[in-house]
């Protein structure tokens, strides 16, 4: 799968727990988030924690049936969730 499959069908399959969609999601977005977080966090453990928390929250939002009104902006949505997790981390420190 490539970035062009990020459409309403992809999000529906993610929400339903489709294994290939979930594997692609974790791999594709996990890599993007890791690159972003490595520039912002010193600890590799924190990078992993924030990445995993972001992916989990996105999946929970999709499974609850909300959050993404425009599938073509899904990458932006995931990035926004990551930013929120980072803010929470910085507040807790």
N, C-alpha and C. Protein backbone atom coordinates (compact mmCIF):
# COMPACT_ATOMS: atom_id res chain seq x y z
N UNK A 1 0.84 -1.19 0.00
CA UNK A 1 0.00 0.00 0.00
C UNK A 1 0.88 1.24 0.00
N UNK A 2 0.39 2.28 -0.60
CA UNK A 2 1.11 3.54 -0.57
C UNK A 2 0.20 4.64 -0.05
N UNK A 3 0.72 5.85 -0.03
CA UNK A 3 0.00 6.96 0.58
C UNK A 3 -1.34 7.23 -0.12
N UNK A 4 -1.49 6.83 -1.36
CA UNK A 4 -2.70 7.13 -2.10
C UNK A 4 -3.90 6.30 -1.66
N UNK A 5 -3.72 5.32 -0.82
CA UNK A 5 -4.85 4.53 -0.34
C UNK A 5 -5.49 5.15 0.90
N UNK A 6 -5.02 6.29 1.33
CA UNK A 6 -5.56 6.94 2.52
C UNK A 6 -6.87 7.64 2.14
N UNK A 7 -7.92 6.83 2.03
CA UNK A 7 -9.22 7.34 1.64
C UNK A 7 -10.28 6.84 2.61
N UNK A 8 -11.53 7.10 2.33
CA UNK A 8 -12.62 6.70 3.24
C UNK A 8 -12.65 5.19 3.44
N UNK A 9 -12.37 4.43 2.39
CA UNK A 9 -12.36 2.97 2.53
C UNK A 9 -11.25 2.51 3.47
N UNK A 10 -10.09 3.12 3.35
CA UNK A 10 -8.95 2.79 4.22
C UNK A 10 -9.32 3.06 5.68
N UNK A 11 -9.91 4.22 5.94
CA UNK A 11 -10.29 4.57 7.31
C UNK A 11 -11.36 3.61 7.84
N UNK A 12 -12.28 3.21 6.98
CA UNK A 12 -13.32 2.25 7.38
C UNK A 12 -12.68 0.91 7.75
N UNK A 13 -11.74 0.47 6.92
CA UNK A 13 -11.06 -0.80 7.21
C UNK A 13 -10.26 -0.72 8.51
N UNK A 14 -9.62 0.41 8.75
CA UNK A 14 -8.90 0.61 10.01
C UNK A 14 -9.85 0.52 11.20
N UNK A 15 -10.98 1.21 11.08
CA UNK A 15 -11.97 1.22 12.17
C UNK A 15 -12.52 -0.17 12.44
N UNK A 16 -12.59 -0.99 11.41
CA UNK A 16 -13.12 -2.35 11.55
C UNK A 16 -12.05 -3.35 11.96
N UNK A 17 -10.80 -2.91 12.07
CA UNK A 17 -9.72 -3.79 12.50
C UNK A 17 -9.14 -4.67 11.41
N UNK A 18 -9.26 -4.25 10.16
CA UNK A 18 -8.71 -5.01 9.04
C UNK A 18 -7.18 -5.16 9.21
N UNK A 19 -6.67 -6.40 9.30
CA UNK A 19 -5.23 -6.60 9.57
C UNK A 19 -4.29 -5.94 8.57
N UNK A 20 -4.51 -6.06 7.25
CA UNK A 20 -3.57 -5.38 6.33
C UNK A 20 -3.60 -3.85 6.48
N UNK A 21 -4.77 -3.28 6.71
CA UNK A 21 -4.85 -1.83 6.90
C UNK A 21 -4.15 -1.43 8.19
N UNK A 22 -4.36 -2.20 9.25
CA UNK A 22 -3.73 -1.90 10.53
C UNK A 22 -2.21 -2.03 10.44
N UNK A 23 -1.75 -3.03 9.71
CA UNK A 23 -0.31 -3.21 9.54
C UNK A 23 0.29 -2.04 8.77
N UNK A 24 -0.38 -1.64 7.70
CA UNK A 24 0.09 -0.49 6.93
C UNK A 24 0.09 0.77 7.79
N UNK A 25 -0.99 0.99 8.53
CA UNK A 25 -1.10 2.17 9.39
C UNK A 25 0.05 2.23 10.38
N UNK A 26 0.29 1.13 11.08
CA UNK A 26 1.36 1.10 12.09
C UNK A 26 2.73 1.31 11.45
N UNK A 27 2.95 0.71 10.30
CA UNK A 27 4.24 0.84 9.64
C UNK A 27 4.44 2.23 9.05
N UNK A 28 3.49 2.67 8.26
CA UNK A 28 3.61 3.95 7.57
C UNK A 28 3.66 5.13 8.55
N UNK A 29 2.65 5.20 9.41
CA UNK A 29 2.60 6.33 10.34
C UNK A 29 3.62 6.18 11.47
N UNK A 30 3.91 4.96 11.86
CA UNK A 30 4.93 4.75 12.89
C UNK A 30 6.27 5.32 12.46
N UNK A 31 6.62 5.11 11.19
CA UNK A 31 7.88 5.64 10.68
C UNK A 31 7.86 7.16 10.62
N UNK A 32 6.78 7.73 10.10
CA UNK A 32 6.68 9.19 10.02
C UNK A 32 6.74 9.83 11.41
N UNK A 33 6.01 9.24 12.35
CA UNK A 33 6.00 9.79 13.71
C UNK A 33 7.36 9.67 14.37
N UNK A 34 8.02 8.55 14.16
CA UNK A 34 9.36 8.37 14.74
C UNK A 34 10.32 9.45 14.24
N UNK A 35 10.29 9.72 12.95
CA UNK A 35 11.16 10.77 12.39
C UNK A 35 10.85 12.13 13.02
N UNK A 36 9.58 12.44 13.14
CA UNK A 36 9.18 13.71 13.74
C UNK A 36 9.62 13.78 15.20
N UNK A 37 9.37 12.73 15.95
CA UNK A 37 9.61 12.74 17.39
C UNK A 37 11.10 12.70 17.74
N UNK A 38 11.91 12.07 16.89
CA UNK A 38 13.35 12.02 17.16
C UNK A 38 13.97 13.41 17.16
N UNK A 39 13.35 14.34 16.45
CA UNK A 39 13.86 15.71 16.42
C UNK A 39 13.39 16.50 17.64
N UNK A 40 12.36 16.00 18.33
CA UNK A 40 11.77 16.77 19.42
C UNK A 40 12.04 16.18 20.82
N UNK A 41 12.39 14.92 20.87
CA UNK A 41 12.59 14.25 22.16
C UNK A 41 13.99 13.66 22.24
N UNK A 42 14.57 13.73 23.40
CA UNK A 42 15.93 13.21 23.58
C UNK A 42 15.96 11.70 23.81
N UNK A 43 14.96 11.19 24.45
CA UNK A 43 14.95 9.78 24.83
C UNK A 43 14.26 8.93 23.77
N UNK A 44 14.93 7.85 23.38
CA UNK A 44 14.30 6.94 22.41
C UNK A 44 13.08 6.25 23.04
N UNK A 45 13.09 6.09 24.35
CA UNK A 45 11.93 5.51 25.03
C UNK A 45 10.73 6.44 24.93
N UNK A 46 10.96 7.74 25.10
CA UNK A 46 9.87 8.71 24.95
C UNK A 46 9.36 8.74 23.51
N UNK A 47 10.25 8.63 22.55
CA UNK A 47 9.83 8.58 21.14
C UNK A 47 8.88 7.41 20.95
N UNK A 48 9.26 6.24 21.43
CA UNK A 48 8.41 5.05 21.30
C UNK A 48 7.08 5.22 22.03
N UNK A 49 7.14 5.77 23.23
CA UNK A 49 5.92 5.95 24.02
C UNK A 49 4.93 6.90 23.33
N UNK A 50 5.43 8.02 22.85
CA UNK A 50 4.55 9.01 22.21
C UNK A 50 4.03 8.45 20.89
N UNK A 51 4.87 7.77 20.14
CA UNK A 51 4.44 7.16 18.87
C UNK A 51 3.33 6.16 19.11
N UNK A 52 3.52 5.27 20.06
CA UNK A 52 2.51 4.25 20.36
C UNK A 52 1.22 4.86 20.89
N UNK A 53 1.33 5.85 21.73
CA UNK A 53 0.14 6.51 22.27
C UNK A 53 -0.63 7.21 21.16
N UNK A 54 0.09 7.83 20.25
CA UNK A 54 -0.56 8.50 19.12
C UNK A 54 -1.31 7.50 18.25
N UNK A 55 -0.66 6.42 17.88
CA UNK A 55 -1.31 5.41 17.04
C UNK A 55 -2.53 4.82 17.73
N UNK A 56 -2.40 4.54 19.01
CA UNK A 56 -3.52 4.00 19.78
C UNK A 56 -4.69 4.96 19.81
N UNK A 57 -4.43 6.22 20.08
CA UNK A 57 -5.51 7.22 20.14
C UNK A 57 -6.22 7.37 18.79
N UNK A 58 -5.45 7.38 17.72
CA UNK A 58 -6.06 7.51 16.40
C UNK A 58 -6.98 6.33 16.14
N UNK A 59 -6.51 5.12 16.42
CA UNK A 59 -7.35 3.94 16.21
C UNK A 59 -8.60 3.97 17.08
N UNK A 60 -8.46 4.41 18.33
CA UNK A 60 -9.63 4.51 19.21
C UNK A 60 -10.65 5.51 18.66
N UNK A 61 -10.18 6.63 18.17
CA UNK A 61 -11.08 7.65 17.61
C UNK A 61 -11.81 7.07 16.40
N UNK A 62 -11.08 6.39 15.54
CA UNK A 62 -11.71 5.80 14.36
C UNK A 62 -12.74 4.75 14.74
N UNK A 63 -12.43 3.94 15.73
CA UNK A 63 -13.34 2.86 16.14
C UNK A 63 -14.58 3.39 16.85
N UNK A 64 -14.47 4.57 17.42
CA UNK A 64 -15.63 5.20 18.06
C UNK A 64 -16.51 5.90 17.04
N UNK A 65 -16.04 5.96 15.81
CA UNK A 65 -16.85 6.54 14.74
C UNK A 65 -16.75 8.04 14.59
N UNK A 66 -15.65 8.61 14.97
CA UNK A 66 -15.55 10.05 14.85
C UNK A 66 -14.16 10.52 14.52
N UNK A 67 -14.03 11.82 14.46
CA UNK A 67 -12.73 12.43 14.35
C UNK A 67 -12.24 12.82 12.98
N UNK A 68 -12.54 12.03 11.96
CA UNK A 68 -11.97 12.30 10.65
C UNK A 68 -13.10 12.57 9.66
N UNK A 69 -13.33 13.85 9.42
CA UNK A 69 -14.39 14.23 8.48
C UNK A 69 -13.90 14.23 7.04
N UNK A 70 -12.60 14.44 6.85
CA UNK A 70 -12.01 14.52 5.52
C UNK A 70 -10.87 13.51 5.41
N UNK A 71 -11.14 12.33 4.84
CA UNK A 71 -10.09 11.32 4.73
C UNK A 71 -8.83 11.80 4.03
N UNK A 72 -8.96 12.75 3.12
CA UNK A 72 -7.78 13.25 2.42
C UNK A 72 -6.87 14.06 3.34
N UNK A 73 -7.34 14.36 4.54
CA UNK A 73 -6.53 15.09 5.54
C UNK A 73 -6.13 14.18 6.71
N UNK A 74 -6.15 12.88 6.49
CA UNK A 74 -5.87 11.93 7.57
C UNK A 74 -4.46 12.11 8.12
N UNK A 75 -3.49 12.34 7.25
CA UNK A 75 -2.12 12.54 7.74
C UNK A 75 -2.05 13.74 8.69
N UNK A 76 -2.75 14.80 8.35
CA UNK A 76 -2.80 15.99 9.20
C UNK A 76 -3.47 15.67 10.52
N UNK A 77 -4.51 14.86 10.48
CA UNK A 77 -5.21 14.45 11.69
C UNK A 77 -4.26 13.68 12.62
N UNK A 78 -3.54 12.71 12.07
CA UNK A 78 -2.59 11.91 12.86
C UNK A 78 -1.53 12.82 13.46
N UNK A 79 -1.02 13.76 12.67
CA UNK A 79 -0.03 14.70 13.15
C UNK A 79 -0.58 15.55 14.30
N UNK A 80 -1.83 15.97 14.19
CA UNK A 80 -2.47 16.75 15.26
C UNK A 80 -2.61 15.97 16.55
N UNK A 81 -2.97 14.70 16.42
CA UNK A 81 -3.07 13.85 17.62
C UNK A 81 -1.69 13.73 18.26
N UNK A 82 -0.67 13.55 17.46
CA UNK A 82 0.70 13.46 17.97
C UNK A 82 1.08 14.76 18.70
N UNK A 83 0.75 15.89 18.12
CA UNK A 83 1.05 17.17 18.77
C UNK A 83 0.36 17.26 20.13
N UNK A 84 -0.87 16.79 20.22
CA UNK A 84 -1.59 16.80 21.50
C UNK A 84 -0.91 15.90 22.53
N UNK A 85 -0.46 14.73 22.11
CA UNK A 85 0.24 13.83 23.02
C UNK A 85 1.54 14.49 23.50
N UNK A 86 2.25 15.14 22.59
CA UNK A 86 3.48 15.85 22.99
C UNK A 86 3.19 16.95 23.99
N UNK A 87 2.13 17.71 23.77
CA UNK A 87 1.77 18.79 24.72
C UNK A 87 1.47 18.21 26.10
N UNK A 88 0.74 17.12 26.13
CA UNK A 88 0.41 16.49 27.41
C UNK A 88 1.69 16.02 28.11
N UNK A 89 2.61 15.47 27.35
CA UNK A 89 3.89 15.01 27.92
C UNK A 89 4.64 16.19 28.52
N UNK A 90 4.72 17.29 27.80
CA UNK A 90 5.47 18.46 28.29
C UNK A 90 4.78 19.07 29.51
N UNK A 91 3.46 19.06 29.54
CA UNK A 91 2.75 19.58 30.71
C UNK A 91 3.01 18.73 31.94
N UNK A 92 3.09 17.42 31.74
CA UNK A 92 3.28 16.53 32.88
C UNK A 92 4.70 16.62 33.45
N UNK A 93 5.62 17.09 32.65
CA UNK A 93 7.01 17.25 33.12
C UNK A 93 7.08 18.52 33.89
